[in-house]
Amino acid sequence: MTGPDEVVVLLVDDHRVFAEALAGVLAAEPGISRVNLASTLDGARGQLRADPPDLVLLDLALADESGYTLLADLAGPPDPPAAIVLSGSTEPRLIVQALEAGARGWLTKTTRLNALIAALWQVLDGHMYLAPATLQPVLTHLLADVHRQRAAAAFVDQLTPRELDVLRCLVSGMTRSEVAQHLFVSTNTVRTHIQSLLRRSEQHSALALVAFARSHGVTGIDESEASLIAVRPGSPS
């Protein structure tokens, strides 16, 4: 890469007029030596090899391709270039996904030029940057995830031993009849436990309940463990 006063930027965007206009403005910025352009992932990879950039400005929606693939590529080599997503979206789920994939920032395409350039230098200095308009939605999204995780942990902790047995049998792929057979209880008893589990987890179907349980660490059982559950002393039905 170039020295600290000769920054190379790679702009990956398939909107030619927008990309060329932005590249021209950025290239005139003191401290930026050149701005290379790519409109496809293959083109971007070629530029990464031929003229390694210090910063990648990346549109995630490239015709039939996903810029997330390039984020994964950038995370591979040592000392990769910093990446800022330049998008038309402010969807918090997409922003969090991009940050998890290695992006150092997220800007909307309506960001004012002075704010975009300030974000560029901030990221090059090793910081992260989110457009102010995205901060509240992203924080709300993250806090909602924390709330769901805490609620899920409380849900598992509050299960009776038999409810947990039933849930783990379901996670293993057993039908209600098979659960009843393994636990030596009636199918009506299994149905009652499942209804209780649905209420507690706020899920609306057994399939959703299983997905919910798996996503929060509830594991299934094997045949040998099923036998131990069936004869567990004092297990309530």
Protein backbone atom coordinates (compact mmCIF):
# COMPACT_ATOMS: atom_id res chain seq x y z
CA MET A 1 0.00 0.00 0.00
CA THR A 2 0.99 3.66 -0.25
CA GLY A 3 2.22 5.90 2.51
CA PRO A 4 -0.06 7.66 5.00
CA ASP A 5 -0.33 10.76 2.81
CA GLU A 6 -1.09 8.82 -0.36
CA VAL A 7 -4.29 6.96 0.34
CA VAL A 8 -5.68 4.64 -2.34
CA VAL A 9 -9.45 4.13 -2.38
CA LEU A 10 -11.34 1.40 -4.19
CA LEU A 11 -14.94 2.32 -4.97
CA VAL A 12 -17.11 -0.72 -5.78
CA ASP A 13 -20.44 0.36 -7.22
CA ASP A 14 -22.35 -0.60 -10.38
CA HIS A 15 -24.05 2.79 -10.76
CA ARG A 16 -21.55 4.25 -13.23
CA VAL A 17 -22.60 7.91 -13.14
CA PHE A 18 -22.71 7.99 -9.33
CA ALA A 19 -19.40 6.12 -9.00
CA GLU A 20 -17.53 8.29 -11.49
CA ALA A 21 -18.82 11.50 -9.92
CA LEU A 22 -17.88 10.40 -6.40
CA ALA A 23 -14.49 9.12 -7.54
CA GLY A 24 -13.71 12.48 -9.12
CA VAL A 25 -14.56 14.35 -5.95
CA LEU A 26 -12.60 11.97 -3.71
CA ALA A 27 -9.54 12.04 -5.97
CA ALA A 28 -9.39 15.83 -5.52
CA GLU A 29 -9.30 15.44 -1.73
CA PRO A 30 -5.86 16.22 -0.23
CA GLY A 31 -4.23 13.00 0.96
CA ILE A 32 -5.99 10.73 -1.54
CA SER A 33 -3.67 9.77 -4.38
CA ARG A 34 -6.16 7.89 -6.52
CA VAL A 35 -9.59 6.27 -6.57
CA ASN A 36 -9.97 3.02 -8.48
CA LEU A 37 -13.37 1.84 -9.69
CA ALA A 38 -14.98 -1.58 -9.97
CA SER A 39 -18.57 -2.47 -10.84
CA THR A 40 -18.42 -6.22 -10.18
CA LEU A 41 -16.93 -8.52 -7.56
CA ASP A 42 -14.44 -9.95 -10.07
CA GLY A 43 -13.40 -6.45 -11.02
CA ALA A 44 -13.00 -5.52 -7.36
CA ARG A 45 -10.86 -8.59 -6.70
CA GLY A 46 -8.68 -7.71 -9.67
CA GLN A 47 -8.17 -4.19 -8.32
CA LEU A 48 -7.38 -5.57 -4.86
CA ARG A 49 -4.54 -7.61 -6.36
CA ALA A 50 -3.26 -5.05 -8.87
CA ASP A 51 -3.37 -1.93 -6.71
CA PRO A 52 -4.12 -2.80 -3.04
CA PRO A 53 -6.23 -0.02 -1.53
CA ASP A 54 -6.17 1.44 1.94
CA LEU A 55 -9.96 1.78 1.96
CA VAL A 56 -12.82 0.09 0.13
CA LEU A 57 -16.11 1.94 -0.37
CA LEU A 58 -18.59 -0.82 -1.14
CA ASP A 59 -22.16 -0.94 -2.39
CA LEU A 60 -23.64 -4.25 -1.22
CA ALA A 61 -26.20 -4.47 -4.03
CA LEU A 62 -24.23 -5.13 -7.20
CA ALA A 63 -26.65 -6.23 -9.93
CA ASP A 64 -26.98 -9.99 -9.25
CA GLU A 65 -24.07 -10.09 -6.78
CA SER A 66 -23.81 -9.42 -3.05
CA GLY A 67 -21.14 -7.17 -1.64
CA TYR A 68 -21.19 -9.26 1.54
CA THR A 69 -19.09 -11.79 -0.39
CA LEU A 70 -16.37 -9.19 -0.87
CA LEU A 71 -16.47 -8.30 2.84
CA ALA A 72 -15.70 -11.95 3.58
CA ASP A 73 -12.78 -11.84 1.12
CA LEU A 74 -11.39 -8.71 2.75
CA ALA A 75 -11.39 -10.37 6.16
CA GLY A 76 -9.07 -13.12 4.93
CA PRO A 77 -5.58 -11.70 4.28
CA PRO A 78 -3.40 -10.06 6.96
CA ASP A 79 -3.62 -6.26 7.21
CA PRO A 80 -6.72 -6.02 4.99
CA PRO A 81 -8.01 -2.65 3.78
CA ALA A 82 -10.71 -1.00 5.83
CA ALA A 83 -14.18 -1.23 4.33
CA ILE A 84 -17.09 1.18 4.49
CA VAL A 85 -20.46 0.19 3.11
CA LEU A 86 -22.04 2.85 0.93
CA SER A 87 -25.71 1.92 0.62
CA GLY A 88 -29.14 3.24 -0.11
CA SER A 89 -30.53 1.27 2.83
CA THR A 90 -30.76 2.08 6.53
CA GLU A 91 -32.12 -1.35 7.52
CA PRO A 92 -30.51 -2.06 10.94
CA ARG A 93 -30.38 -5.82 10.38
CA LEU A 94 -28.28 -5.31 7.24
CA ILE A 95 -26.01 -2.81 8.99
CA VAL A 96 -25.32 -5.17 11.89
CA GLN A 97 -24.72 -8.03 9.43
CA ALA A 98 -22.17 -5.92 7.54
CA LEU A 99 -20.36 -4.92 10.74
CA GLU A 100 -20.24 -8.55 11.80
CA ALA A 101 -18.75 -9.40 8.39
CA GLY A 102 -15.93 -6.92 8.94
CA ALA A 103 -17.14 -3.55 7.66
CA ARG A 104 -15.77 -0.61 9.63
CA GLY A 105 -18.59 1.75 8.74
CA TRP A 106 -21.92 2.30 7.02
CA LEU A 107 -22.88 5.39 5.03
CA THR A 108 -26.02 6.12 3.09
CA LYS A 109 -25.72 7.37 -0.46
CA THR A 110 -27.45 10.57 0.59
CA THR A 111 -24.65 11.39 3.05
CA ARG A 112 -23.25 14.89 2.51
CA LEU A 113 -19.81 14.92 0.94
CA ASN A 114 -18.08 16.57 3.92
CA ALA A 115 -19.55 13.93 6.26
CA LEU A 116 -18.50 11.13 3.90
CA ILE A 117 -14.93 12.41 3.75
CA ALA A 118 -14.83 12.83 7.56
CA ALA A 119 -16.04 9.22 7.92
CA LEU A 120 -13.36 8.05 5.48
CA TRP A 121 -10.54 9.58 7.56
CA GLN A 122 -12.09 8.40 10.80
CA VAL A 123 -12.11 4.80 9.57
CA LEU A 124 -8.59 5.12 8.19
CA ASP A 125 -7.54 6.27 11.68
CA GLY A 126 -8.76 2.93 13.03
CA HIS A 127 -12.22 3.93 14.26
CA MET A 128 -15.69 2.81 13.23
CA TYR A 129 -18.33 5.07 11.73
CA LEU A 130 -22.09 4.92 11.40
CA ALA A 131 -24.17 7.61 9.75
CA PRO A 132 -26.07 9.48 12.49
CA ALA A 133 -29.41 8.51 10.94
CA THR A 134 -28.58 4.83 11.45
CA LEU A 135 -27.44 4.99 15.08
CA GLN A 136 -30.85 4.85 16.76
CA PRO A 137 -32.24 2.02 14.55
CA VAL A 138 -29.05 -0.03 15.04
CA LEU A 139 -29.02 0.47 18.81
CA THR A 140 -32.72 -0.37 19.00
CA HIS A 141 -32.07 -3.54 16.99
CA LEU A 142 -29.15 -4.57 19.21
CA LEU A 143 -31.06 -3.87 22.43
CA ALA A 144 -33.99 -5.92 21.13
CA ASP A 145 -31.56 -8.81 20.52
CA VAL A 146 -30.26 -8.50 24.09
CA HIS A 147 -33.83 -8.51 25.40
CA ARG A 148 -34.68 -11.61 23.36
CA GLN A 149 -31.56 -13.40 24.59
CA ARG A 150 -32.33 -12.61 28.21
CA ALA A 151 -35.94 -13.67 27.77
CA ALA A 152 -34.81 -16.93 26.17
CA ALA A 153 -32.35 -17.64 28.98
CA ALA A 154 -35.08 -17.00 31.53
CA PHE A 155 -37.42 -19.26 29.57
CA VAL A 156 -35.01 -22.23 29.71
CA ASP A 157 -34.16 -21.64 33.39
CA GLN A 158 -37.84 -21.67 34.36
CA LEU A 159 -38.71 -24.96 32.69
CA THR A 160 -39.54 -27.95 34.85
CA PRO A 161 -37.31 -31.02 34.36
CA ARG A 162 -40.11 -32.79 32.46
CA GLU A 163 -40.78 -29.78 30.21
CA LEU A 164 -37.09 -29.69 29.35
CA ASP A 165 -37.20 -33.43 28.62
CA VAL A 166 -40.12 -32.91 26.23
CA LEU A 167 -38.42 -29.95 24.57
CA ARG A 168 -35.17 -31.84 24.02
CA CYS A 169 -37.08 -34.76 22.54
CA LEU A 170 -38.75 -32.37 20.12
CA VAL A 171 -35.39 -30.86 19.20
CA SER A 172 -34.23 -34.41 18.40
CA GLY A 173 -37.03 -34.63 15.82
CA MET A 174 -39.41 -36.90 17.70
CA THR A 175 -43.15 -36.83 17.09
CA ARG A 176 -45.56 -36.42 20.00
CA SER A 177 -46.20 -40.15 20.01
CA GLU A 178 -42.48 -40.89 20.08
CA VAL A 179 -41.96 -38.39 22.92
CA ALA A 180 -44.75 -40.07 24.88
CA GLN A 181 -43.22 -43.49 24.29
CA HIS A 182 -39.73 -42.42 25.37
CA LEU A 183 -40.94 -40.62 28.49
CA PHE A 184 -43.58 -43.25 29.43
CA VAL A 185 -46.38 -40.66 29.51
CA SER A 186 -49.57 -40.22 27.52
CA THR A 187 -49.77 -38.21 24.32
CA ASN A 188 -52.23 -35.92 26.12
CA THR A 189 -49.55 -35.20 28.73
CA VAL A 190 -47.05 -34.44 25.97
CA ARG A 191 -49.60 -32.17 24.29
CA THR A 192 -50.12 -30.29 27.57
CA HIS A 193 -46.38 -29.78 28.02
CA ILE A 194 -46.02 -28.55 24.44
CA GLN A 195 -48.84 -26.06 24.89
CA SER A 196 -47.13 -24.79 28.04
CA LEU A 197 -43.83 -24.50 26.18
CA LEU A 198 -45.48 -22.56 23.36
CA ARG A 199 -47.00 -20.09 25.81
CA ARG A 200 -43.77 -19.59 27.71
CA SER A 201 -41.66 -19.13 24.57
CA GLU A 202 -44.30 -17.02 22.78
CA GLN A 203 -44.01 -19.25 19.72
CA HIS A 204 -46.96 -20.28 17.58
CA SER A 205 -46.04 -23.76 16.36
CA ALA A 206 -43.95 -26.76 17.34
CA LEU A 207 -41.57 -26.05 14.45
CA ALA A 208 -41.04 -22.49 15.65
CA LEU A 209 -40.57 -23.79 19.20
CA VAL A 210 -37.83 -26.19 18.05
CA ALA A 211 -36.06 -23.44 16.09
CA PHE A 212 -36.32 -21.14 19.11
CA ALA A 213 -34.89 -23.81 21.41
CA ARG A 214 -32.00 -24.66 19.07
CA SER A 215 -31.05 -21.03 18.60
CA HIS A 216 -30.70 -20.67 22.36
CA GLY A 217 -28.59 -23.70 23.09
CA VAL A 218 -31.14 -26.43 23.81
CA THR A 219 -29.75 -29.69 22.46
CA GLY A 220 -31.49 -32.88 21.43
CA ILE A 221 -31.04 -36.28 23.02
CA ASP A 222 -29.70 -39.57 21.71
CA GLU A 223 -31.24 -42.99 22.28
CA SER A 224 -29.14 -43.84 25.34
CA GLU A 225 -29.96 -40.54 26.99
CA ALA A 226 -33.64 -41.02 26.16
CA SER A 227 -33.58 -44.26 28.14
CA LEU A 228 -32.08 -42.48 31.14
CA ILE A 229 -34.74 -39.76 30.94
CA ALA A 230 -37.49 -42.37 30.83
CA VAL A 231 -36.39 -43.99 34.09
CA ARG A 232 -35.22 -40.86 35.90
CA PRO A 233 -36.32 -41.25 39.53
CA GLY A 234 -38.97 -38.84 40.62
CA SER A 235 -39.48 -37.29 37.17
CA PRO A 236 -42.92 -35.66 37.20
CA SER A 237 -45.20 -36.31 34.25
